Amino acid sequence: MSSYLLSLGAGLLIGVIYSLLGVRSPAPPVVALVGLAGILLGEQIIPIAKRIADRAELTRFIRHDCSQHVLGPLPANKDCDG
């Protein structure tokens, strides 16, 4: 969770600096986020294609390997843990 707060803090600091300098961010925020999502998902295409070619268990790979890389470690939900 602290890495999320650090990232948010860094973004806010850069936004304040941009505002003080009177410049705009280099890319519209939505376009930048969509591009980053494309990069993260695109990194998974080759490993998935290799798994399909090897006929390996794809569902397990997507749930365990891809989701951890794309989403990062997600916070635990104590209500769902039982």
PDB file of N, CA and C in Angstrom:
ATOM      1  N   MET A   1       0.824  -1.196   0.000  1.00  0.00           N
ATOM      2  CA  MET A   1       0.000   0.000   0.000  1.00  0.00           C
ATOM      3  C   MET A   1       0.865   1.256   0.000  1.00  0.00           C
ATOM      4  N   SER A   2       2.020   1.199   0.653  1.00  0.00           N
ATOM      5  CA  SER A   2       2.866   2.384   0.719  1.00  0.00           C
ATOM      6  C   SER A   2       3.399   2.764  -0.658  1.00  0.00           C
ATOM      7  N   SER A   3       3.637   1.782  -1.538  1.00  0.00           N
ATOM      8  CA  SER A   3       4.107   2.115  -2.881  1.00  0.00           C
ATOM      9  C   SER A   3       3.035   2.876  -3.658  1.00  0.00           C
ATOM     10  N   TYR A   4       1.762   2.565  -3.414  1.00  0.00           N
ATOM     11  CA  TYR A   4       0.686   3.300  -4.064  1.00  0.00           C
ATOM     12  C   TYR A   4       0.650   4.748  -3.568  1.00  0.00           C
ATOM     13  N   LEU A   5       0.822   4.919  -2.272  1.00  0.00           N
ATOM     14  CA  LEU A   5       0.824   6.271  -1.707  1.00  0.00           C
ATOM     15  C   LEU A   5       2.036   7.065  -2.188  1.00  0.00           C
ATOM     16  N   LEU A   6       3.198   6.414  -2.271  1.00  0.00           N
ATOM     17  CA  LEU A   6       4.388   7.093  -2.787  1.00  0.00           C
ATOM     18  C   LEU A   6       4.187   7.506  -4.243  1.00  0.00           C
ATOM     19  N   SER A   7       3.592   6.626  -5.036  1.00  0.00           N
ATOM     20  CA  SER A   7       3.325   6.932  -6.430  1.00  0.00           C
ATOM     21  C   SER A   7       2.350   8.098  -6.556  1.00  0.00           C
ATOM     22  N   LEU A   8       1.306   8.077  -5.763  1.00  0.00           N
ATOM     23  CA  LEU A   8       0.335   9.171  -5.773  1.00  0.00           C
ATOM     24  C   LEU A   8       1.007  10.472  -5.349  1.00  0.00           C
ATOM     25  N   GLY A   9       1.813  10.417  -4.294  1.00  0.00           N
ATOM     26  CA  GLY A   9       2.517  11.612  -3.815  1.00  0.00           C
ATOM     27  C   GLY A   9       3.461  12.177  -4.866  1.00  0.00           C
ATOM     28  N   ALA A  10       4.197  11.291  -5.545  1.00  0.00           N
ATOM     29  CA  ALA A  10       5.114  11.739  -6.598  1.00  0.00           C
ATOM     30  C   ALA A  10       4.332  12.390  -7.732  1.00  0.00           C
ATOM     31  N   GLY A  11       3.205  11.791  -8.103  1.00  0.00           N
ATOM     32  CA  GLY A  11       2.377  12.367  -9.159  1.00  0.00           C
ATOM     33  C   GLY A  11       1.829  13.730  -8.776  1.00  0.00           C
ATOM     34  N   LEU A  12       1.390  13.857  -7.542  1.00  0.00           N
ATOM     35  CA  LEU A  12       0.880  15.152  -7.085  1.00  0.00           C
ATOM     36  C   LEU A  12       1.987  16.204  -7.084  1.00  0.00           C
ATOM     37  N   LEU A  13       3.175  15.821  -6.637  1.00  0.00           N
ATOM     38  CA  LEU A  13       4.305  16.752  -6.614  1.00  0.00           C
ATOM     39  C   LEU A  13       4.654  17.221  -8.023  1.00  0.00           C
ATOM     40  N   ILE A  14       4.721  16.304  -8.957  1.00  0.00           N
ATOM     41  CA  ILE A  14       5.013  16.666 -10.348  1.00  0.00           C
ATOM     42  C   ILE A  14       3.910  17.556 -10.909  1.00  0.00           C
ATOM     43  N   GLY A  15       2.664  17.256 -10.570  1.00  0.00           N
ATOM     44  CA  GLY A  15       1.552  18.092 -11.027  1.00  0.00           C
ATOM     45  C   GLY A  15       1.651  19.513 -10.509  1.00  0.00           C
ATOM     46  N   VAL A  16       2.046  19.664  -9.248  1.00  0.00           N
ATOM     47  CA  VAL A  16       2.222  20.999  -8.672  1.00  0.00           C
ATOM     48  C   VAL A  16       3.368  21.726  -9.374  1.00  0.00           C
ATOM     49  N   ILE A  17       4.465  21.028  -9.614  1.00  0.00           N
ATOM     50  CA  ILE A  17       5.604  21.645 -10.314  1.00  0.00           C
ATOM     51  C   ILE A  17       5.196  22.077 -11.716  1.00  0.00           C
ATOM     52  N   TYR A  18       4.473  21.211 -12.452  1.00  0.00           N
ATOM     53  CA  TYR A  18       3.992  21.571 -13.787  1.00  0.00           C
ATOM     54  C   TYR A  18       3.117  22.820 -13.717  1.00  0.00           C
ATOM     55  N   SER A  19       2.245  22.868 -12.712  1.00  0.00           N
ATOM     56  CA  SER A  19       1.351  24.005 -12.582  1.00  0.00           C
ATOM     57  C   SER A  19       2.131  25.282 -12.298  1.00  0.00           C
ATOM     58  N   LEU A  20       3.125  25.204 -11.418  1.00  0.00           N
ATOM     59  CA  LEU A  20       3.938  26.378 -11.108  1.00  0.00           C
ATOM     60  C   LEU A  20       4.731  26.862 -12.313  1.00  0.00           C
ATOM     61  N   LEU A  21       5.180  25.939 -13.148  1.00  0.00           N
ATOM     62  CA  LEU A  21       5.936  26.298 -14.347  1.00  0.00           C
ATOM     63  C   LEU A  21       5.027  26.698 -15.508  1.00  0.00           C
ATOM     64  N   GLY A  22       3.741  26.426 -15.374  1.00  0.00           N
ATOM     65  CA  GLY A  22       2.792  26.785 -16.412  1.00  0.00           C
ATOM     66  C   GLY A  22       2.848  25.889 -17.636  1.00  0.00           C
ATOM     67  N   VAL A  23       3.227  24.628 -17.434  1.00  0.00           N
ATOM     68  CA  VAL A  23       3.261  23.688 -18.557  1.00  0.00           C
ATOM     69  C   VAL A  23       2.208  22.612 -18.337  1.00  0.00           C
ATOM     70  N   ARG A  24       1.875  21.922 -19.421  1.00  0.00           N
ATOM     71  CA  ARG A  24       0.912  20.825 -19.331  1.00  0.00           C
ATOM     72  C   ARG A  24       1.668  19.511 -19.347  1.00  0.00           C
ATOM     73  N   SER A  25       1.045  18.484 -18.842  1.00  0.00           N
ATOM     74  CA  SER A  25       1.678  17.171 -18.858  1.00  0.00           C
ATOM     75  C   SER A  25       1.916  16.739 -20.301  1.00  0.00           C
ATOM     76  N   PRO A  26       2.958  15.921 -20.534  1.00  0.00           N
ATOM     77  CA  PRO A  26       3.300  15.560 -21.900  1.00  0.00           C
ATOM     78  C   PRO A  26       2.242  14.753 -22.644  1.00  0.00           C
ATOM     79  N   ALA A  27       1.382  14.068 -21.939  1.00  0.00           N
ATOM     80  CA  ALA A  27       0.330  13.282 -22.598  1.00  0.00           C
ATOM     81  C   ALA A  27      -0.956  13.446 -21.788  1.00  0.00           C
ATOM     82  N   PRO A  28      -2.086  13.459 -22.483  1.00  0.00           N
ATOM     83  CA  PRO A  28      -3.352  13.493 -21.729  1.00  0.00           C
ATOM     84  C   PRO A  28      -3.422  12.282 -20.800  1.00  0.00           C
ATOM     85  N   PRO A  29      -3.847  12.461 -19.568  1.00  0.00           N
ATOM     86  CA  PRO A  29      -3.824  11.368 -18.587  1.00  0.00           C
ATOM     87  C   PRO A  29      -4.503  10.091 -19.050  1.00  0.00           C
ATOM     88  N   VAL A  30      -5.655  10.179 -19.677  1.00  0.00           N
ATOM     89  CA  VAL A  30      -6.360   8.965 -20.098  1.00  0.00           C
ATOM     90  C   VAL A  30      -5.566   8.241 -21.186  1.00  0.00           C
ATOM     91  N   VAL A  31      -5.021   8.999 -22.126  1.00  0.00           N
ATOM     92  CA  VAL A  31      -4.237   8.385 -23.194  1.00  0.00           C
ATOM     93  C   VAL A  31      -3.005   7.697 -22.609  1.00  0.00           C
ATOM     94  N   ALA A  32      -2.356   8.352 -21.659  1.00  0.00           N
ATOM     95  CA  ALA A  32      -1.170   7.762 -21.035  1.00  0.00           C
ATOM     96  C   ALA A  32      -1.519   6.475 -20.292  1.00  0.00           C
ATOM     97  N   LEU A  33      -2.619   6.466 -19.559  1.00  0.00           N
ATOM     98  CA  LEU A  33      -3.011   5.269 -18.811  1.00  0.00           C
ATOM     99  C   LEU A  33      -3.397   4.124 -19.735  1.00  0.00           C
ATOM    100  N   VAL A  34      -4.072   4.433 -20.819  1.00  0.00           N
ATOM    101  CA  VAL A  34      -4.433   3.394 -21.784  1.00  0.00           C
ATOM    102  C   VAL A  34      -3.165   2.819 -22.413  1.00  0.00           C
ATOM    103  N   GLY A  35      -2.202   3.685 -22.714  1.00  0.00           N
ATOM    104  CA  GLY A  35      -0.936   3.222 -23.262  1.00  0.00           C
ATOM    105  C   GLY A  35      -0.188   2.317 -22.300  1.00  0.00           C
ATOM    106  N   LEU A  36      -0.158   2.690 -21.037  1.00  0.00           N
ATOM    107  CA  LEU A  36       0.493   1.844 -20.029  1.00  0.00           C
ATOM    108  C   LEU A  36      -0.214   0.499 -19.885  1.00  0.00           C
ATOM    109  N   ALA A  37      -1.532   0.516 -19.918  1.00  0.00           N
ATOM    110  CA  ALA A  37      -2.276  -0.747 -19.844  1.00  0.00           C
ATOM    111  C   ALA A  37      -1.943  -1.625 -21.047  1.00  0.00           C
ATOM    112  N   GLY A  38      -1.825  -1.006 -22.217  1.00  0.00           N
ATOM    113  CA  GLY A  38      -1.455  -1.757 -23.411  1.00  0.00           C
ATOM    114  C   GLY A  38      -0.077  -2.385 -23.293  1.00  0.00           C
ATOM    115  N   ILE A  39       0.857  -1.647 -22.716  1.00  0.00           N
ATOM    116  CA  ILE A  39       2.212  -2.187 -22.518  1.00  0.00           C
ATOM    117  C   ILE A  39       2.167  -3.393 -21.591  1.00  0.00           C
ATOM    118  N   LEU A  40       1.487  -3.252 -20.455  1.00  0.00           N
ATOM    119  CA  LEU A  40       1.422  -4.362 -19.498  1.00  0.00           C
ATOM    120  C   LEU A  40       0.744  -5.589 -20.091  1.00  0.00           C
ATOM    121  N   LEU A  41      -0.331  -5.384 -20.810  1.00  0.00           N
ATOM    122  CA  LEU A  41      -1.026  -6.518 -21.422  1.00  0.00           C
ATOM    123  C   LEU A  41      -0.228  -7.087 -22.592  1.00  0.00           C
ATOM    124  N   GLY A  42       0.420  -6.216 -23.351  1.00  0.00           N
ATOM    125  CA  GLY A  42       1.211  -6.671 -24.480  1.00  0.00           C
ATOM    126  C   GLY A  42       2.387  -7.536 -24.071  1.00  0.00           C
ATOM    127  N   GLU A  43       2.948  -7.281 -22.890  1.00  0.00           N
ATOM    128  CA  GLU A  43       4.046  -8.104 -22.384  1.00  0.00           C
ATOM    129  C   GLU A  43       3.620  -9.550 -22.162  1.00  0.00           C
ATOM    130  N   GLN A  44       2.339  -9.782 -22.027  1.00  0.00           N
ATOM    131  CA  GLN A  44       1.848 -11.125 -21.726  1.00  0.00           C
ATOM    132  C   GLN A  44       1.513 -11.930 -22.977  1.00  0.00           C
ATOM    133  N   ILE A  45       1.500 -11.304 -24.144  1.00  0.00           N
ATOM    134  CA  ILE A  45       1.088 -11.997 -25.371  1.00  0.00           C
ATOM    135  C   ILE A  45       2.030 -13.142 -25.719  1.00  0.00           C
ATOM    136  N   ILE A  46       3.332 -12.905 -25.699  1.00  0.00           N
ATOM    137  CA  ILE A  46       4.300 -13.946 -26.064  1.00  0.00           C
ATOM    138  C   ILE A  46       4.254 -15.122 -25.079  1.00  0.00           C
ATOM    139  N   PRO A  47       4.294 -14.888 -23.751  1.00  0.00           N
ATOM    140  CA  PRO A  47       4.202 -16.034 -22.839  1.00  0.00           C
ATOM    141  C   PRO A  47       2.907 -16.832 -23.006  1.00  0.00           C
ATOM    142  N   ILE A  48       1.802 -16.151 -23.257  1.00  0.00           N
ATOM    143  CA  ILE A  48       0.533 -16.860 -23.457  1.00  0.00           C
ATOM    144  C   ILE A  48       0.583 -17.673 -24.746  1.00  0.00           C
ATOM    145  N   ALA A  49       1.120 -17.082 -25.813  1.00  0.00           N
ATOM    146  CA  ALA A  49       1.233 -17.810 -27.082  1.00  0.00           C
ATOM    147  C   ALA A  49       2.116 -19.048 -26.928  1.00  0.00           C
ATOM    148  N   LYS A  50       3.196 -18.944 -26.159  1.00  0.00           N
ATOM    149  CA  LYS A  50       4.069 -20.100 -25.913  1.00  0.00           C
ATOM    150  C   LYS A  50       3.328 -21.178 -25.139  1.00  0.00           C
ATOM    151  N   ARG A  51       2.530 -20.767 -24.155  1.00  0.00           N
ATOM    152  CA  ARG A  51       1.754 -21.740 -23.379  1.00  0.00           C
ATOM    153  C   ARG A  51       0.738 -22.444 -24.258  1.00  0.00           C
ATOM    154  N   ILE A  52       0.098 -21.696 -25.152  1.00  0.00           N
ATOM    155  CA  ILE A  52      -0.878 -22.309 -26.054  1.00  0.00           C
ATOM    156  C   ILE A  52      -0.180 -23.304 -26.969  1.00  0.00           C
ATOM    157  N   ALA A  53       0.981 -22.908 -27.515  1.00  0.00           N
ATOM    158  CA  ALA A  53       1.725 -23.785 -28.413  1.00  0.00           C
ATOM    159  C   ALA A  53       2.192 -25.052 -27.689  1.00  0.00           C
ATOM    160  N   ASP A  54       2.546 -24.936 -26.411  1.00  0.00           N
ATOM    161  CA  ASP A  54       2.992 -26.086 -25.626  1.00  0.00           C
ATOM    162  C   ASP A  54       1.823 -26.856 -25.017  1.00  0.00           C
ATOM    163  N   ARG A  55       0.618 -26.340 -25.223  1.00  0.00           N
ATOM    164  CA  ARG A  55      -0.601 -26.918 -24.644  1.00  0.00           C
ATOM    165  C   ARG A  55      -0.525 -27.003 -23.109  1.00  0.00           C
ATOM    166  N   ALA A  56       0.129 -26.030 -22.521  1.00  0.00           N
ATOM    167  CA  ALA A  56       0.223 -25.978 -21.056  1.00  0.00           C
ATOM    168  C   ALA A  56      -1.095 -25.441 -20.500  1.00  0.00           C
ATOM    169  N   GLU A  57      -1.248 -25.557 -19.204  1.00  0.00           N
ATOM    170  CA  GLU A  57      -2.472 -25.099 -18.565  1.00  0.00           C
ATOM    171  C   GLU A  57      -2.498 -23.576 -18.553  1.00  0.00           C
ATOM    172  N   LEU A  58      -3.303 -22.992 -19.430  1.00  0.00           N
ATOM    173  CA  LEU A  58      -3.333 -21.553 -19.637  1.00  0.00           C
ATOM    174  C   LEU A  58      -4.054 -20.819 -18.511  1.00  0.00           C
ATOM    175  N   THR A  59      -5.122 -21.380 -17.990  1.00  0.00           N
ATOM    176  CA  THR A  59      -5.898 -20.705 -16.952  1.00  0.00           C
ATOM    177  C   THR A  59      -5.054 -20.427 -15.722  1.00  0.00           C
ATOM    178  N   ARG A  60      -4.289 -21.407 -15.280  1.00  0.00           N
ATOM    179  CA  ARG A  60      -3.444 -21.221 -14.110  1.00  0.00           C
ATOM    180  C   ARG A  60      -2.412 -20.135 -14.373  1.00  0.00           C
ATOM    181  N   PHE A  61      -1.825 -20.148 -15.568  1.00  0.00           N
ATOM    182  CA  PHE A  61      -0.811 -19.153 -15.923  1.00  0.00           C
ATOM    183  C   PHE A  61      -1.392 -17.742 -15.875  1.00  0.00           C
ATOM    184  N   ILE A  62      -2.596 -17.560 -16.434  1.00  0.00           N
ATOM    185  CA  ILE A  62      -3.202 -16.226 -16.460  1.00  0.00           C
ATOM    186  C   ILE A  62      -3.549 -15.771 -15.048  1.00  0.00           C
ATOM    187  N   ARG A  63      -4.124 -16.656 -14.249  1.00  0.00           N
ATOM    188  CA  ARG A  63      -4.532 -16.272 -12.895  1.00  0.00           C
ATOM    189  C   ARG A  63      -3.354 -15.983 -11.979  1.00  0.00           C
ATOM    190  N   HIS A  64      -2.292 -16.761 -12.095  1.00  0.00           N
ATOM    191  CA  HIS A  64      -1.203 -16.639 -11.134  1.00  0.00           C
ATOM    192  C   HIS A  64      -0.037 -15.799 -11.645  1.00  0.00           C
ATOM    193  N   ASP A  65       0.382 -16.014 -12.876  1.00  0.00           N
ATOM    194  CA  ASP A  65       1.553 -15.304 -13.369  1.00  0.00           C
ATOM    195  C   ASP A  65       1.201 -13.945 -13.973  1.00  0.00           C
ATOM    196  N   CYS A  66       0.261 -13.913 -14.891  1.00  0.00           N
ATOM    197  CA  CYS A  66      -0.090 -12.655 -15.559  1.00  0.00           C
ATOM    198  C   CYS A  66      -0.729 -11.662 -14.595  1.00  0.00           C
ATOM    199  N   SER A  67      -1.670 -12.112 -13.800  1.00  0.00           N
ATOM    200  CA  SER A  67      -2.381 -11.173 -12.932  1.00  0.00           C
ATOM    201  C   SER A  67      -1.441 -10.535 -11.924  1.00  0.00           C
ATOM    202  N   GLN A  68      -0.468 -11.262 -11.438  1.00  0.00           N
ATOM    203  CA  GLN A  68       0.481 -10.674 -10.491  1.00  0.00           C
ATOM    204  C   GLN A  68       1.354  -9.631 -11.175  1.00  0.00           C
ATOM    205  N   HIS A  69       1.708  -9.857 -12.441  1.00  0.00           N
ATOM    206  CA  HIS A  69       2.543  -8.897 -13.139  1.00  0.00           C
ATOM    207  C   HIS A  69       1.745  -7.670 -13.564  1.00  0.00           C
ATOM    208  N   VAL A  70       0.561  -7.868 -14.083  1.00  0.00           N
ATOM    209  CA  VAL A  70      -0.242  -6.761 -14.587  1.00  0.00           C
ATOM    210  C   VAL A  70      -0.831  -5.947 -13.441  1.00  0.00           C
ATOM    211  N   LEU A  71      -1.386  -6.600 -12.446  1.00  0.00           N
ATOM    212  CA  LEU A  71      -2.064  -5.903 -11.364  1.00  0.00           C
ATOM    213  C   LEU A  71      -1.169  -5.597 -10.172  1.00  0.00           C
ATOM    214  N   GLY A  72      -0.059  -6.293 -10.060  1.00  0.00           N
ATOM    215  CA  GLY A  72       0.787  -6.137  -8.879  1.00  0.00           C
ATOM    216  C   GLY A  72       0.161  -6.870  -7.715  1.00  0.00           C
ATOM    217  N   PRO A  73       0.858  -6.916  -6.597  1.00  0.00           N
ATOM    218  CA  PRO A  73       0.279  -7.585  -5.436  1.00  0.00           C
ATOM    219  C   PRO A  73      -0.926  -6.801  -4.924  1.00  0.00           C
ATOM    220  N   LEU A  74      -2.050  -7.462  -4.894  1.00  0.00           N
ATOM    221  CA  LEU A  74      -3.272  -6.817  -4.446  1.00  0.00           C
ATOM    222  C   LEU A  74      -3.406  -6.937  -2.934  1.00  0.00           C
ATOM    223  N   PRO A  75      -3.993  -5.932  -2.281  1.00  0.00           N
ATOM    224  CA  PRO A  75      -4.173  -6.033  -0.837  1.00  0.00           C
ATOM    225  C   PRO A  75      -5.128  -7.161  -0.483  1.00  0.00           C
ATOM    226  N   ALA A  76      -4.872  -7.809   0.632  1.00  0.00           N
ATOM    227  CA  ALA A  76      -5.719  -8.917   1.071  1.00  0.00           C
ATOM    228  C   ALA A  76      -7.029  -8.372   1.612  1.00  0.00           C
ATOM    229  N   ASN A  77      -8.107  -9.080   1.325  1.00  0.00           N
ATOM    230  CA  ASN A  77      -9.411  -8.721   1.851  1.00  0.00           C
ATOM    231  C   ASN A  77      -9.710  -9.667   2.995  1.00  0.00           C
ATOM    232  N   LYS A  78      -9.625  -9.171   4.204  1.00  0.00           N
ATOM    233  CA  LYS A  78      -9.801 -10.019   5.378  1.00  0.00           C
ATOM    234  C   LYS A  78     -11.200 -10.593   5.474  1.00  0.00           C
ATOM    235  N   ASP A  79     -12.198  -9.893   4.893  1.00  0.00           N
ATOM    236  CA  ASP A  79     -13.566 -10.390   4.924  1.00  0.00           C
ATOM    237  C   ASP A  79     -13.733 -11.630   4.066  1.00  0.00           C
ATOM    238  N   CYS A  80     -12.960 -11.757   2.996  1.00  0.00           N
ATOM    239  CA  CYS A  80     -13.069 -12.894   2.077  1.00  0.00           C
ATOM    240  C   CYS A  80     -12.200 -14.057   2.488  1.00  0.00           C
ATOM    241  N   ASP A  81     -11.226 -13.834   3.381  1.00  0.00           N
ATOM    242  CA  ASP A  81     -10.301 -14.893   3.767  1.00  0.00           C
ATOM    243  C   ASP A  81     -10.945 -15.911   4.707  1.00  0.00           C
ATOM    244  N   GLY A  82     -12.032 -15.550   5.288  1.00  0.00           N
ATOM    245  CA  GLY A  82     -12.735 -16.520   6.112  1.00  0.00           C
ATOM    246  C   GLY A  82     -12.601 -16.206   7.507  1.00  0.00           C
TER     247      GLY A  82
END
